[in-house]
Amino acid sequence: MKKILVIDDEPIVRTSCVRSLSPEGYEVKSASSGKEGLELLENEHVDLVLLDLKMPDMDGIEVLKKIKNRWPETKIIMITGYSTVETAVKTLKLGAFSYLEKPFTPDTLLETVKEAFS
């Protein structure tokens, strides 16, 4: 079973990701901050991280760099409500697999996750 970690400061986003992905057979964990997400990664293997770009404690770019440095095989899909072409390009250059704009539908989320695992 593939394990996915959702790191987002918005409870509704974490909940909707869990509700969309769990029935598809994924084990989904969630964290409300970059710090909490990195702590979880220290203790267990995760195949994919859904990572919010804008968070209060540590932004997604900083978390992305730390994950790619420490766990380079972990795939990352950035999620944000503040999409710009520059940010998308920057995160992809830093190693993100893909980019999802909020609000996204469960179908779009599932498609993107399946692409990451194919």
C-alpha atoms as a PDB file:
ATOM      1  CA  MET A   1       0.000   0.000   0.000  1.00  0.00           C
ATOM      2  CA  LYS A   2       1.343   3.417  -0.999  1.00  0.00           C
ATOM      3  CA  LYS A   3       1.668   5.907   1.832  1.00  0.00           C
ATOM      4  CA  ILE A   4       0.838   9.589   1.284  1.00  0.00           C
ATOM      5  CA  LEU A   5       1.492  12.516   3.622  1.00  0.00           C
ATOM      6  CA  VAL A   6      -0.586  15.688   3.292  1.00  0.00           C
ATOM      7  CA  ILE A   7       1.139  18.776   4.731  1.00  0.00           C
ATOM      8  CA  ASP A   8      -1.264  21.732   4.753  1.00  0.00           C
ATOM      9  CA  ASP A   9      -2.257  24.274   7.398  1.00  0.00           C
ATOM     10  CA  GLU A  10      -5.911  24.200   6.286  1.00  0.00           C
ATOM     11  CA  PRO A  11      -7.921  21.414   7.996  1.00  0.00           C
ATOM     12  CA  ILE A  12     -10.443  21.262   5.124  1.00  0.00           C
ATOM     13  CA  VAL A  13      -7.682  20.498   2.596  1.00  0.00           C
ATOM     14  CA  ARG A  14      -6.198  17.744   4.773  1.00  0.00           C
ATOM     15  CA  THR A  15      -9.637  16.221   5.369  1.00  0.00           C
ATOM     16  CA  SER A  16     -10.647  16.329   1.694  1.00  0.00           C
ATOM     17  CA  CYS A  17      -7.362  14.694   0.625  1.00  0.00           C
ATOM     18  CA  VAL A  18      -7.840  11.898   3.177  1.00  0.00           C
ATOM     19  CA  ARG A  19     -11.472  11.395   2.080  1.00  0.00           C
ATOM     20  CA  SER A  20     -10.516  11.311  -1.605  1.00  0.00           C
ATOM     21  CA  LEU A  21      -7.443   9.099  -1.381  1.00  0.00           C
ATOM     22  CA  SER A  22      -8.206   6.565   1.390  1.00  0.00           C
ATOM     23  CA  PRO A  23     -11.040   4.804  -0.503  1.00  0.00           C
ATOM     24  CA  GLU A  24      -8.616   4.357  -3.428  1.00  0.00           C
ATOM     25  CA  GLY A  25      -6.383   2.176  -1.265  1.00  0.00           C
ATOM     26  CA  TYR A  26      -3.800   4.719  -0.166  1.00  0.00           C
ATOM     27  CA  GLU A  27      -2.692   5.071   3.447  1.00  0.00           C
ATOM     28  CA  VAL A  28      -2.979   8.814   4.112  1.00  0.00           C
ATOM     29  CA  LYS A  29      -1.351  10.699   6.991  1.00  0.00           C
ATOM     30  CA  SER A  30      -1.628  14.422   7.543  1.00  0.00           C
ATOM     31  CA  ALA A  31       0.315  17.225   9.200  1.00  0.00           C
ATOM     32  CA  SER A  32      -0.771  20.805   9.846  1.00  0.00           C
ATOM     33  CA  SER A  33       2.688  22.380   9.448  1.00  0.00           C
ATOM     34  CA  GLY A  34       5.999  21.861   7.706  1.00  0.00           C
ATOM     35  CA  LYS A  35       7.690  21.137  11.037  1.00  0.00           C
ATOM     36  CA  GLU A  36       5.082  18.498  11.946  1.00  0.00           C
ATOM     37  CA  GLY A  37       5.372  16.936   8.477  1.00  0.00           C
ATOM     38  CA  LEU A  38       9.168  16.708   8.663  1.00  0.00           C
ATOM     39  CA  GLU A  39       8.922  15.117  12.131  1.00  0.00           C
ATOM     40  CA  LEU A  40       6.527  12.497  10.752  1.00  0.00           C
ATOM     41  CA  LEU A  41       8.927  11.779   7.868  1.00  0.00           C
ATOM     42  CA  GLU A  42      11.739  11.175  10.375  1.00  0.00           C
ATOM     43  CA  ASN A  43       9.753   8.284  11.859  1.00  0.00           C
ATOM     44  CA  GLU A  44       8.141   6.600   8.867  1.00  0.00           C
ATOM     45  CA  HIS A  45       8.574   6.054   5.147  1.00  0.00           C
ATOM     46  CA  VAL A  46       6.211   7.946   2.861  1.00  0.00           C
ATOM     47  CA  ASP A  47       5.966   7.466  -0.921  1.00  0.00           C
ATOM     48  CA  LEU A  48       4.365  10.806  -1.775  1.00  0.00           C
ATOM     49  CA  VAL A  49       3.900  14.189  -0.090  1.00  0.00           C
ATOM     50  CA  LEU A  50       1.125  16.627  -0.959  1.00  0.00           C
ATOM     51  CA  LEU A  51       2.684  19.881   0.175  1.00  0.00           C
ATOM     52  CA  ASP A  52       1.066  23.289   0.605  1.00  0.00           C
ATOM     53  CA  LEU A  53       3.127  26.219  -0.626  1.00  0.00           C
ATOM     54  CA  LYS A  54       1.991  28.885   1.858  1.00  0.00           C
ATOM     55  CA  MET A  55       2.090  27.909   5.531  1.00  0.00           C
ATOM     56  CA  PRO A  56       2.730  30.035   8.603  1.00  0.00           C
ATOM     57  CA  ASP A  57       5.687  28.259  10.234  1.00  0.00           C
ATOM     58  CA  MET A  58       7.777  27.192   7.260  1.00  0.00           C
ATOM     59  CA  ASP A  59       6.807  27.715   3.632  1.00  0.00           C
ATOM     60  CA  GLY A  60       6.441  24.853   1.183  1.00  0.00           C
ATOM     61  CA  ILE A  61       9.618  25.738  -0.742  1.00  0.00           C
ATOM     62  CA  GLU A  62      11.701  25.323   2.424  1.00  0.00           C
ATOM     63  CA  VAL A  63       9.948  22.024   3.267  1.00  0.00           C
ATOM     64  CA  LEU A  64      10.388  20.820  -0.347  1.00  0.00           C
ATOM     65  CA  LYS A  65      14.153  21.485  -0.177  1.00  0.00           C
ATOM     66  CA  LYS A  66      14.473  19.643   3.148  1.00  0.00           C
ATOM     67  CA  ILE A  67      12.510  16.617   1.922  1.00  0.00           C
ATOM     68  CA  LYS A  68      14.435  16.393  -1.364  1.00  0.00           C
ATOM     69  CA  ASN A  69      17.735  16.706   0.501  1.00  0.00           C
ATOM     70  CA  ARG A  70      16.896  14.077   3.133  1.00  0.00           C
ATOM     71  CA  TRP A  71      14.561  11.713   1.226  1.00  0.00           C
ATOM     72  CA  PRO A  72      15.312  12.269  -2.495  1.00  0.00           C
ATOM     73  CA  GLU A  73      13.177   9.317  -3.634  1.00  0.00           C
ATOM     74  CA  THR A  74      10.003  10.780  -2.085  1.00  0.00           C
ATOM     75  CA  LYS A  75       7.735  12.330  -4.700  1.00  0.00           C
ATOM     76  CA  ILE A  76       6.179  15.704  -3.938  1.00  0.00           C
ATOM     77  CA  ILE A  77       3.101  17.366  -5.383  1.00  0.00           C
ATOM     78  CA  MET A  78       2.833  21.048  -4.496  1.00  0.00           C
ATOM     79  CA  ILE A  79      -0.636  22.418  -3.708  1.00  0.00           C
ATOM     80  CA  THR A  80      -1.449  26.096  -3.519  1.00  0.00           C
ATOM     81  CA  GLY A  81      -4.111  28.739  -3.818  1.00  0.00           C
ATOM     82  CA  TYR A  82      -1.471  31.285  -4.839  1.00  0.00           C
ATOM     83  CA  SER A  83      -0.332  29.938  -8.170  1.00  0.00           C
ATOM     84  CA  THR A  84       2.097  31.808 -10.402  1.00  0.00           C
ATOM     85  CA  VAL A  85       4.101  30.488 -13.319  1.00  0.00           C
ATOM     86  CA  GLU A  86       7.339  31.511 -11.559  1.00  0.00           C
ATOM     87  CA  THR A  87       6.449  29.557  -8.422  1.00  0.00           C
ATOM     88  CA  ALA A  88       5.405  26.499 -10.408  1.00  0.00           C
ATOM     89  CA  VAL A  89       8.659  26.512 -12.375  1.00  0.00           C
ATOM     90  CA  LYS A  90      10.719  27.059  -9.208  1.00  0.00           C
ATOM     91  CA  THR A  91       9.126  24.147  -7.343  1.00  0.00           C
ATOM     92  CA  LEU A  92       9.494  21.817 -10.346  1.00  0.00           C
ATOM     93  CA  LYS A  93      13.172  22.784 -10.688  1.00  0.00           C
ATOM     94  CA  LEU A  94      13.631  22.009  -6.983  1.00  0.00           C
ATOM     95  CA  GLY A  95      12.306  18.510  -7.561  1.00  0.00           C
ATOM     96  CA  ALA A  96       8.524  18.638  -7.153  1.00  0.00           C
ATOM     97  CA  PHE A  97       6.793  16.068  -9.357  1.00  0.00           C
ATOM     98  CA  SER A  98       3.745  18.212 -10.079  1.00  0.00           C
ATOM     99  CA  TYR A  99       1.639  21.161  -9.023  1.00  0.00           C
ATOM    100  CA  LEU A 100      -2.052  21.353  -8.049  1.00  0.00           C
ATOM    101  CA  GLU A 101      -3.984  24.603  -7.821  1.00  0.00           C
ATOM    102  CA  LYS A 102      -6.578  25.059  -5.069  1.00  0.00           C
ATOM    103  CA  PRO A 103      -9.417  24.485  -5.205  1.00  0.00           C
ATOM    104  CA  PHE A 104      -8.934  21.102  -6.873  1.00  0.00           C
ATOM    105  CA  THR A 105     -11.507  18.370  -7.392  1.00  0.00           C
ATOM    106  CA  PRO A 106     -11.145  14.841  -5.994  1.00  0.00           C
ATOM    107  CA  ASP A 107     -10.797  13.596  -9.594  1.00  0.00           C
ATOM    108  CA  THR A 108      -7.938  16.000 -10.346  1.00  0.00           C
ATOM    109  CA  LEU A 109      -6.222  14.995  -7.106  1.00  0.00           C
ATOM    110  CA  LEU A 110      -6.562  11.285  -7.904  1.00  0.00           C
ATOM    111  CA  GLU A 111      -5.314  11.747 -11.471  1.00  0.00           C
ATOM    112  CA  THR A 112      -2.232  13.612 -10.301  1.00  0.00           C
ATOM    113  CA  VAL A 113      -1.475  11.068  -7.552  1.00  0.00           C
ATOM    114  CA  LYS A 114      -1.876   8.150  -9.990  1.00  0.00           C
ATOM    115  CA  GLU A 115       0.496   9.898 -12.437  1.00  0.00           C
ATOM    116  CA  ALA A 116       3.088  10.257  -9.675  1.00  0.00           C
ATOM    117  CA  PHE A 117       2.935   6.511  -8.994  1.00  0.00           C
ATOM    118  CA  SER A 118       2.942   5.377 -12.623  1.00  0.00           C
END
